[in-house]
Amino acid sequence: MLKIVEETKKSHAKLSALWRLISIETTRPNGEVIHDWGQNPTGLIIYDSSGRMAVQFMRDPPPTSASNHLTIEEKNAAFEGYYAYFGTYEFNEKDGTVTHHIQSSMRPYEVGTDYKRFYKLGGNRLTLSTPPMLREGEQRVYRLVWERSDV
């Protein structure tokens, strides 16, 4: 049991950091790459050494409003232009995956689900990719690139 705990701590240490979002790319089945979240979305993902994580990001350009009394259209734009959840994670170096166990999300249907992501670590960069996901009638792969940050 102690060996498993030690291995888990070592694997968490590889991801344990605050990561700043660099880009989000969506690849369509024909190979076309689109930027659903804009050219320069902002965000962060945090992995801690105890196995907890949190992620949030916002579209570029960000949603705007002239006041704090949002119209239905502004509320929809805000919801569609921002994404966040938190929970725990498991890092599987052998399989090249990290699994997010979602405890809370701004999208209620995600609570209690697991999201497995393929990862690549290189220098100060972390790339997370989804398996193909059905969106708008086609299988798409999402790739998020993060950079280790001290801020």
N, C-alpha and C. Protein backbone atom coordinates (compact mmCIF):
# COMPACT_ATOMS: atom_id res chain seq x y z
N MET A 1 0.82 -1.19 0.00
CA MET A 1 0.00 0.00 0.00
C MET A 1 0.87 1.26 0.00
N LEU A 2 1.94 1.25 0.79
CA LEU A 2 2.83 2.41 0.86
C LEU A 2 3.45 2.68 -0.50
N LYS A 3 3.80 1.64 -1.23
CA LYS A 3 4.40 1.80 -2.56
C LYS A 3 3.42 2.51 -3.51
N ILE A 4 2.15 2.15 -3.46
CA ILE A 4 1.14 2.79 -4.32
C ILE A 4 1.00 4.27 -3.97
N VAL A 5 1.00 4.59 -2.68
CA VAL A 5 0.89 5.98 -2.24
C VAL A 5 2.09 6.78 -2.73
N GLU A 6 3.30 6.22 -2.59
CA GLU A 6 4.51 6.90 -3.03
C GLU A 6 4.50 7.12 -4.54
N GLU A 7 4.08 6.11 -5.32
CA GLU A 7 4.00 6.26 -6.78
C GLU A 7 2.99 7.32 -7.17
N THR A 8 1.86 7.37 -6.46
CA THR A 8 0.84 8.39 -6.74
C THR A 8 1.40 9.78 -6.47
N LYS A 9 2.10 9.97 -5.37
CA LYS A 9 2.69 11.27 -5.05
C LYS A 9 3.69 11.69 -6.11
N LYS A 10 4.52 10.77 -6.58
CA LYS A 10 5.51 11.08 -7.61
C LYS A 10 4.84 11.49 -8.91
N SER A 11 3.79 10.77 -9.30
CA SER A 11 3.12 11.10 -10.56
C SER A 11 2.38 12.43 -10.45
N HIS A 12 1.78 12.72 -9.30
CA HIS A 12 1.10 14.01 -9.12
C HIS A 12 2.10 15.15 -9.20
N ALA A 13 3.32 14.93 -8.73
CA ALA A 13 4.33 15.98 -8.73
C ALA A 13 4.66 16.43 -10.15
N LYS A 14 4.52 15.57 -11.13
CA LYS A 14 4.83 15.94 -12.52
C LYS A 14 3.87 16.99 -13.06
N LEU A 15 2.61 16.93 -12.65
CA LEU A 15 1.61 17.88 -13.12
C LEU A 15 1.37 19.02 -12.14
N SER A 16 1.77 18.83 -10.89
CA SER A 16 1.44 19.78 -9.83
C SER A 16 2.00 21.16 -10.15
N ALA A 17 1.09 22.06 -10.54
CA ALA A 17 1.48 23.43 -10.90
C ALA A 17 0.24 24.20 -11.29
N LEU A 18 0.45 25.49 -11.47
CA LEU A 18 -0.54 26.35 -12.09
C LEU A 18 -0.12 26.48 -13.55
N TRP A 19 -1.04 26.17 -14.46
CA TRP A 19 -0.77 26.20 -15.89
C TRP A 19 -1.65 27.27 -16.54
N ARG A 20 -1.05 28.11 -17.36
CA ARG A 20 -1.76 29.19 -18.06
C ARG A 20 -2.11 28.71 -19.47
N LEU A 21 -3.34 28.99 -19.90
CA LEU A 21 -3.80 28.55 -21.22
C LEU A 21 -3.10 29.32 -22.33
N ILE A 22 -2.60 28.59 -23.31
CA ILE A 22 -1.95 29.19 -24.49
C ILE A 22 -2.90 29.14 -25.68
N SER A 23 -3.54 27.98 -25.90
CA SER A 23 -4.44 27.88 -27.06
C SER A 23 -5.41 26.72 -26.89
N ILE A 24 -6.51 26.83 -27.63
CA ILE A 24 -7.48 25.74 -27.76
C ILE A 24 -7.71 25.55 -29.26
N GLU A 25 -7.45 24.35 -29.73
CA GLU A 25 -7.68 24.02 -31.14
C GLU A 25 -8.64 22.85 -31.24
N THR A 26 -9.50 22.93 -32.23
CA THR A 26 -10.44 21.86 -32.51
C THR A 26 -10.11 21.31 -33.89
N THR A 27 -9.91 20.00 -33.99
CA THR A 27 -9.62 19.39 -35.28
C THR A 27 -10.85 18.63 -35.76
N ARG A 28 -11.30 19.00 -36.94
CA ARG A 28 -12.46 18.35 -37.55
C ARG A 28 -11.99 17.08 -38.28
N PRO A 29 -12.91 16.18 -38.65
CA PRO A 29 -12.53 14.92 -39.30
C PRO A 29 -11.74 15.11 -40.61
N ASN A 30 -11.96 16.22 -41.30
CA ASN A 30 -11.24 16.47 -42.55
C ASN A 30 -9.85 17.07 -42.31
N GLY A 31 -9.45 17.24 -41.03
CA GLY A 31 -8.14 17.78 -40.70
C GLY A 31 -8.14 19.29 -40.48
N GLU A 32 -9.23 19.94 -40.80
CA GLU A 32 -9.31 21.39 -40.60
C GLU A 32 -9.22 21.71 -39.11
N VAL A 33 -8.40 22.70 -38.78
CA VAL A 33 -8.26 23.15 -37.40
C VAL A 33 -9.03 24.46 -37.25
N ILE A 34 -9.91 24.50 -36.26
CA ILE A 34 -10.67 25.71 -35.98
C ILE A 34 -10.42 26.14 -34.54
N HIS A 35 -10.69 27.40 -34.29
CA HIS A 35 -10.48 27.96 -32.95
C HIS A 35 -11.82 28.41 -32.40
N ASP A 36 -12.61 27.44 -31.90
CA ASP A 36 -13.94 27.70 -31.35
C ASP A 36 -13.91 28.75 -30.24
N TRP A 37 -12.83 28.81 -29.50
CA TRP A 37 -12.72 29.72 -28.36
C TRP A 37 -11.93 30.98 -28.70
N GLY A 38 -11.68 31.22 -29.98
CA GLY A 38 -10.95 32.40 -30.42
C GLY A 38 -9.45 32.14 -30.51
N GLN A 39 -8.74 33.14 -31.00
CA GLN A 39 -7.29 33.02 -31.21
C GLN A 39 -6.49 33.10 -29.91
N ASN A 40 -7.00 33.81 -28.92
CA ASN A 40 -6.26 34.00 -27.66
C ASN A 40 -7.16 33.84 -26.45
N PRO A 41 -7.73 32.66 -26.23
CA PRO A 41 -8.54 32.48 -25.03
C PRO A 41 -7.65 32.58 -23.79
N THR A 42 -8.26 32.91 -22.66
CA THR A 42 -7.51 32.99 -21.40
C THR A 42 -8.02 31.91 -20.46
N GLY A 43 -7.14 31.45 -19.59
CA GLY A 43 -7.57 30.45 -18.63
C GLY A 43 -6.43 29.89 -17.83
N LEU A 44 -6.79 29.00 -16.92
CA LEU A 44 -5.78 28.31 -16.13
C LEU A 44 -6.30 26.95 -15.71
N ILE A 45 -5.37 26.08 -15.45
CA ILE A 45 -5.67 24.79 -14.86
C ILE A 45 -4.68 24.60 -13.72
N ILE A 46 -5.19 24.11 -12.61
CA ILE A 46 -4.35 23.90 -11.42
C ILE A 46 -4.43 22.42 -11.07
N TYR A 47 -3.26 21.80 -10.93
CA TYR A 47 -3.15 20.45 -10.39
C TYR A 47 -2.33 20.57 -9.11
N ASP A 48 -2.84 20.04 -8.00
CA ASP A 48 -2.02 20.07 -6.79
C ASP A 48 -1.47 18.68 -6.49
N SER A 49 -0.53 18.62 -5.56
CA SER A 49 0.17 17.37 -5.28
C SER A 49 -0.69 16.35 -4.55
N SER A 50 -1.84 16.77 -4.04
CA SER A 50 -2.71 15.82 -3.33
C SER A 50 -3.75 15.19 -4.26
N GLY A 51 -3.74 15.57 -5.55
CA GLY A 51 -4.67 14.96 -6.50
C GLY A 51 -5.91 15.77 -6.77
N ARG A 52 -5.91 17.03 -6.41
CA ARG A 52 -7.05 17.91 -6.71
C ARG A 52 -6.72 18.77 -7.92
N MET A 53 -7.78 19.16 -8.65
CA MET A 53 -7.58 19.99 -9.83
C MET A 53 -8.75 20.95 -10.01
N ALA A 54 -8.51 22.02 -10.77
CA ALA A 54 -9.54 22.98 -11.14
C ALA A 54 -9.14 23.59 -12.47
N VAL A 55 -10.14 23.84 -13.31
CA VAL A 55 -9.87 24.44 -14.62
C VAL A 55 -10.93 25.49 -14.93
N GLN A 56 -10.51 26.54 -15.60
CA GLN A 56 -11.45 27.53 -16.10
C GLN A 56 -10.81 28.26 -17.27
N PHE A 57 -11.65 28.60 -18.25
CA PHE A 57 -11.15 29.41 -19.36
C PHE A 57 -12.29 30.22 -19.98
N MET A 58 -11.86 31.26 -20.74
CA MET A 58 -12.80 32.20 -21.32
C MET A 58 -12.45 32.47 -22.77
N ARG A 59 -13.49 32.61 -23.57
CA ARG A 59 -13.41 32.86 -25.00
C ARG A 59 -12.69 34.19 -25.31
N ASP A 60 -12.11 34.25 -26.49
CA ASP A 60 -11.53 35.47 -27.04
C ASP A 60 -12.29 35.81 -28.32
N PRO A 61 -12.90 36.99 -28.40
CA PRO A 61 -12.99 38.01 -27.36
C PRO A 61 -13.96 37.58 -26.27
N PRO A 62 -13.74 38.10 -25.06
CA PRO A 62 -14.61 37.71 -23.95
C PRO A 62 -16.01 38.31 -24.09
N PRO A 63 -16.99 37.68 -23.48
CA PRO A 63 -18.33 38.24 -23.47
C PRO A 63 -18.31 39.61 -22.78
N THR A 64 -19.18 40.50 -23.21
CA THR A 64 -19.24 41.83 -22.62
C THR A 64 -20.68 42.18 -22.24
N SER A 65 -20.79 43.18 -21.40
CA SER A 65 -22.09 43.69 -20.99
C SER A 65 -21.92 45.15 -20.58
N ALA A 66 -22.95 45.95 -20.83
CA ALA A 66 -22.90 47.36 -20.46
C ALA A 66 -23.28 47.59 -19.00
N SER A 67 -23.90 46.59 -18.37
CA SER A 67 -24.32 46.75 -16.97
C SER A 67 -24.33 45.40 -16.28
N ASN A 68 -24.67 45.42 -14.98
CA ASN A 68 -24.76 44.16 -14.25
C ASN A 68 -26.16 43.55 -14.35
N HIS A 69 -27.04 44.15 -15.13
CA HIS A 69 -28.37 43.60 -15.41
C HIS A 69 -28.33 43.02 -16.81
N LEU A 70 -27.98 41.75 -16.92
CA LEU A 70 -27.77 41.12 -18.22
C LEU A 70 -29.08 40.77 -18.91
N THR A 71 -29.07 40.94 -20.22
CA THR A 71 -30.19 40.46 -21.03
C THR A 71 -30.04 38.96 -21.18
N ILE A 72 -31.06 38.29 -21.66
CA ILE A 72 -31.00 36.84 -21.92
C ILE A 72 -29.86 36.54 -22.89
N GLU A 73 -29.70 37.35 -23.92
CA GLU A 73 -28.63 37.14 -24.90
C GLU A 73 -27.26 37.27 -24.25
N GLU A 74 -27.10 38.26 -23.35
CA GLU A 74 -25.82 38.45 -22.66
C GLU A 74 -25.54 37.29 -21.71
N LYS A 75 -26.58 36.79 -21.04
CA LYS A 75 -26.40 35.63 -20.16
C LYS A 75 -25.99 34.41 -20.97
N ASN A 76 -26.61 34.20 -22.10
CA ASN A 76 -26.24 33.07 -22.96
C ASN A 76 -24.81 33.21 -23.45
N ALA A 77 -24.42 34.42 -23.86
CA ALA A 77 -23.05 34.64 -24.33
C ALA A 77 -22.05 34.41 -23.21
N ALA A 78 -22.40 34.85 -22.00
CA ALA A 78 -21.51 34.63 -20.85
C ALA A 78 -21.35 33.14 -20.56
N PHE A 79 -22.46 32.40 -20.58
CA PHE A 79 -22.41 30.96 -20.33
C PHE A 79 -21.61 30.23 -21.41
N GLU A 80 -21.85 30.57 -22.66
CA GLU A 80 -21.15 29.91 -23.77
C GLU A 80 -19.69 30.35 -23.88
N GLY A 81 -19.36 31.49 -23.30
CA GLY A 81 -18.00 32.02 -23.42
C GLY A 81 -17.11 31.75 -22.23
N TYR A 82 -17.58 30.95 -21.27
CA TYR A 82 -16.80 30.67 -20.08
C TYR A 82 -17.03 29.22 -19.69
N TYR A 83 -16.00 28.58 -19.13
CA TYR A 83 -16.12 27.17 -18.77
C TYR A 83 -15.29 26.92 -17.52
N ALA A 84 -15.85 26.14 -16.59
CA ALA A 84 -15.12 25.86 -15.35
C ALA A 84 -15.64 24.60 -14.68
N TYR A 85 -14.71 23.84 -14.08
CA TYR A 85 -15.06 22.73 -13.20
C TYR A 85 -13.89 22.42 -12.28
N PHE A 86 -14.17 21.63 -11.22
CA PHE A 86 -13.09 21.18 -10.35
C PHE A 86 -13.40 19.78 -9.85
N GLY A 87 -12.36 19.15 -9.31
CA GLY A 87 -12.51 17.82 -8.76
C GLY A 87 -11.15 17.24 -8.40
N THR A 88 -11.02 15.95 -8.66
CA THR A 88 -9.75 15.27 -8.41
C THR A 88 -9.23 14.73 -9.74
N TYR A 89 -7.99 14.26 -9.72
CA TYR A 89 -7.44 13.71 -10.96
C TYR A 89 -6.56 12.50 -10.67
N GLU A 90 -6.44 11.67 -11.71
CA GLU A 90 -5.52 10.53 -11.69
C GLU A 90 -4.61 10.67 -12.90
N PHE A 91 -3.33 10.55 -12.65
CA PHE A 91 -2.31 10.66 -13.69
C PHE A 91 -1.82 9.26 -14.00
N ASN A 92 -1.90 8.85 -15.26
CA ASN A 92 -1.44 7.52 -15.66
C ASN A 92 -0.33 7.68 -16.69
N GLU A 93 0.89 7.68 -16.18
CA GLU A 93 2.05 7.90 -17.04
C GLU A 93 2.19 6.80 -18.09
N LYS A 94 1.89 5.57 -17.70
CA LYS A 94 2.01 4.43 -18.61
C LYS A 94 1.10 4.58 -19.83
N ASP A 95 -0.15 5.00 -19.60
CA ASP A 95 -1.12 5.17 -20.69
C ASP A 95 -1.05 6.54 -21.35
N GLY A 96 -0.31 7.48 -20.74
CA GLY A 96 -0.24 8.83 -21.28
C GLY A 96 -1.54 9.59 -21.11
N THR A 97 -2.24 9.32 -19.98
CA THR A 97 -3.52 9.98 -19.75
C THR A 97 -3.58 10.62 -18.37
N VAL A 98 -4.47 11.57 -18.27
CA VAL A 98 -4.87 12.14 -16.98
C VAL A 98 -6.39 12.13 -17.00
N THR A 99 -7.00 11.66 -15.91
CA THR A 99 -8.45 11.60 -15.82
C THR A 99 -8.93 12.58 -14.77
N HIS A 100 -9.84 13.46 -15.17
CA HIS A 100 -10.45 14.42 -14.26
C HIS A 100 -11.76 13.83 -13.75
N HIS A 101 -11.89 13.72 -12.44
CA HIS A 101 -13.12 13.24 -11.80
C HIS A 101 -13.88 14.49 -11.34
N ILE A 102 -14.93 14.85 -12.05
CA ILE A 102 -15.59 16.13 -11.84
C ILE A 102 -16.54 16.08 -10.64
N GLN A 103 -16.25 16.93 -9.66
CA GLN A 103 -17.07 17.04 -8.46
C GLN A 103 -18.08 18.18 -8.58
N SER A 104 -17.69 19.25 -9.29
CA SER A 104 -18.59 20.38 -9.48
C SER A 104 -18.24 21.05 -10.81
N SER A 105 -19.28 21.53 -11.49
CA SER A 105 -19.09 22.15 -12.80
C SER A 105 -20.16 23.19 -13.03
N MET A 106 -19.87 24.18 -13.84
CA MET A 106 -20.91 25.15 -14.20
C MET A 106 -21.94 24.52 -15.13
N ARG A 107 -21.64 23.35 -15.65
CA ARG A 107 -22.59 22.58 -16.46
C ARG A 107 -23.02 21.37 -15.62
N PRO A 108 -24.21 21.41 -15.04
CA PRO A 108 -24.64 20.39 -14.07
C PRO A 108 -24.56 18.95 -14.57
N TYR A 109 -24.75 18.72 -15.85
CA TYR A 109 -24.71 17.35 -16.37
C TYR A 109 -23.33 16.72 -16.29
N GLU A 110 -22.29 17.51 -16.02
CA GLU A 110 -20.93 16.97 -15.92
C GLU A 110 -20.59 16.46 -14.52
N VAL A 111 -21.33 16.89 -13.50
CA VAL A 111 -21.03 16.51 -12.12
C VAL A 111 -21.09 14.99 -11.99
N GLY A 112 -20.03 14.43 -11.44
CA GLY A 112 -19.95 12.98 -11.26
C GLY A 112 -19.37 12.23 -12.45
N THR A 113 -19.01 12.94 -13.50
CA THR A 113 -18.45 12.27 -14.67
C THR A 113 -16.92 12.32 -14.63
N ASP A 114 -16.30 11.51 -15.47
CA ASP A 114 -14.85 11.47 -15.61
C ASP A 114 -14.49 11.88 -17.03
N TYR A 115 -13.48 12.73 -17.15
CA TYR A 115 -12.96 13.12 -18.46
C TYR A 115 -11.52 12.64 -18.57
N LYS A 116 -11.31 11.69 -19.47
CA LYS A 116 -9.95 11.20 -19.72
C LYS A 116 -9.34 12.04 -20.83
N ARG A 117 -8.13 12.52 -20.58
CA ARG A 117 -7.40 13.34 -21.54
C ARG A 117 -6.03 12.73 -21.79
N PHE A 118 -5.59 12.79 -23.04
CA PHE A 118 -4.23 12.39 -23.38
C PHE A 118 -3.33 13.58 -23.09
N TYR A 119 -2.17 13.33 -22.53
CA TYR A 119 -1.29 14.45 -22.19
C TYR A 119 0.08 14.27 -22.84
N LYS A 120 0.73 15.42 -23.04
CA LYS A 120 2.14 15.46 -23.43
C LYS A 120 2.78 16.55 -22.59
N LEU A 121 3.89 16.21 -21.97
CA LEU A 121 4.67 17.16 -21.20
C LEU A 121 5.98 17.40 -21.93
N GLY A 122 6.31 18.65 -22.13
CA GLY A 122 7.57 18.99 -22.78
C GLY A 122 8.04 20.36 -22.33
N GLY A 123 9.15 20.41 -21.61
CA GLY A 123 9.62 21.69 -21.09
C GLY A 123 8.58 22.28 -20.16
N ASN A 124 8.18 23.51 -20.43
CA ASN A 124 7.16 24.19 -19.62
C ASN A 124 5.77 24.07 -20.21
N ARG A 125 5.58 23.16 -21.16
CA ARG A 125 4.29 23.02 -21.84
C ARG A 125 3.60 21.70 -21.49
N LEU A 126 2.30 21.80 -21.34
CA LEU A 126 1.43 20.65 -21.13
C LEU A 126 0.35 20.71 -22.20
N THR A 127 0.19 19.64 -22.95
CA THR A 127 -0.86 19.57 -23.96
C THR A 127 -1.84 18.49 -23.53
N LEU A 128 -3.12 18.86 -23.47
CA LEU A 128 -4.18 17.92 -23.16
C LEU A 128 -5.07 17.79 -24.39
N SER A 129 -5.34 16.55 -24.79
CA SER A 129 -6.19 16.29 -25.95
C SER A 129 -7.31 15.35 -25.57
N THR A 130 -8.47 15.60 -26.15
CA THR A 130 -9.62 14.74 -25.90
C THR A 130 -9.61 13.57 -26.86
N PRO A 131 -10.27 12.50 -26.52
CA PRO A 131 -10.58 11.50 -27.54
C PRO A 131 -11.58 12.15 -28.50
N PRO A 132 -11.82 11.58 -29.67
CA PRO A 132 -12.83 12.16 -30.57
C PRO A 132 -14.18 12.28 -29.85
N MET A 133 -14.81 13.46 -30.02
CA MET A 133 -16.08 13.76 -29.37
C MET A 133 -17.08 14.21 -30.43
N LEU A 134 -18.30 13.75 -30.31
CA LEU A 134 -19.34 14.12 -31.26
C LEU A 134 -19.82 15.54 -30.97
N ARG A 135 -19.58 16.44 -31.91
CA ARG A 135 -20.02 17.83 -31.81
C ARG A 135 -20.53 18.26 -33.19
N GLU A 136 -21.71 18.85 -33.19
CA GLU A 136 -22.30 19.36 -34.43
C GLU A 136 -22.30 18.29 -35.53
N GLY A 137 -22.60 17.05 -35.13
CA GLY A 137 -22.75 15.96 -36.08
C GLY A 137 -21.46 15.35 -36.61
N GLU A 138 -20.32 15.69 -36.01
CA GLU A 138 -19.05 15.11 -36.47
C GLU A 138 -18.13 14.86 -35.28
N GLN A 139 -17.19 13.95 -35.45
CA GLN A 139 -16.22 13.62 -34.40
C GLN A 139 -15.10 14.65 -34.43
N ARG A 140 -14.91 15.34 -33.33
CA ARG A 140 -13.86 16.37 -33.24
C ARG A 140 -12.92 16.05 -32.09
N VAL A 141 -11.67 16.48 -32.23
CA VAL A 141 -10.67 16.35 -31.18
C VAL A 141 -10.28 17.75 -30.74
N TYR A 142 -10.30 17.96 -29.42
CA TYR A 142 -9.93 19.25 -28.85
C TYR A 142 -8.54 19.12 -28.23
N ARG A 143 -7.72 20.14 -28.49
CA ARG A 143 -6.36 20.15 -27.97
C ARG A 143 -6.12 21.49 -27.26
N LEU A 144 -5.79 21.41 -25.97
CA LEU A 144 -5.52 22.59 -25.17
C LEU A 144 -4.06 22.59 -24.78
N VAL A 145 -3.38 23.69 -25.05
CA VAL A 145 -1.97 23.82 -24.72
C VAL A 145 -1.84 24.79 -23.55
N TRP A 146 -1.10 24.35 -22.54
CA TRP A 146 -0.91 25.11 -21.30
C TRP A 146 0.58 25.34 -21.08
N GLU A 147 0.90 26.43 -20.40
CA GLU A 147 2.28 26.73 -20.05
C GLU A 147 2.40 26.89 -18.54
N ARG A 148 3.41 26.24 -17.96
CA ARG A 148 3.63 26.33 -16.51
C ARG A 148 3.82 27.80 -16.14
N SER A 149 3.16 28.20 -15.05
CA SER A 149 3.18 29.60 -14.66
C SER A 149 3.43 29.70 -13.17
N ASP A 150 4.13 30.77 -12.77
CA ASP A 150 4.35 31.05 -11.36
C ASP A 150 3.34 32.06 -10.84
N VAL A 151 2.55 32.63 -11.75
CA VAL A 151 1.58 33.67 -11.36
C VAL A 151 0.21 33.09 -11.21
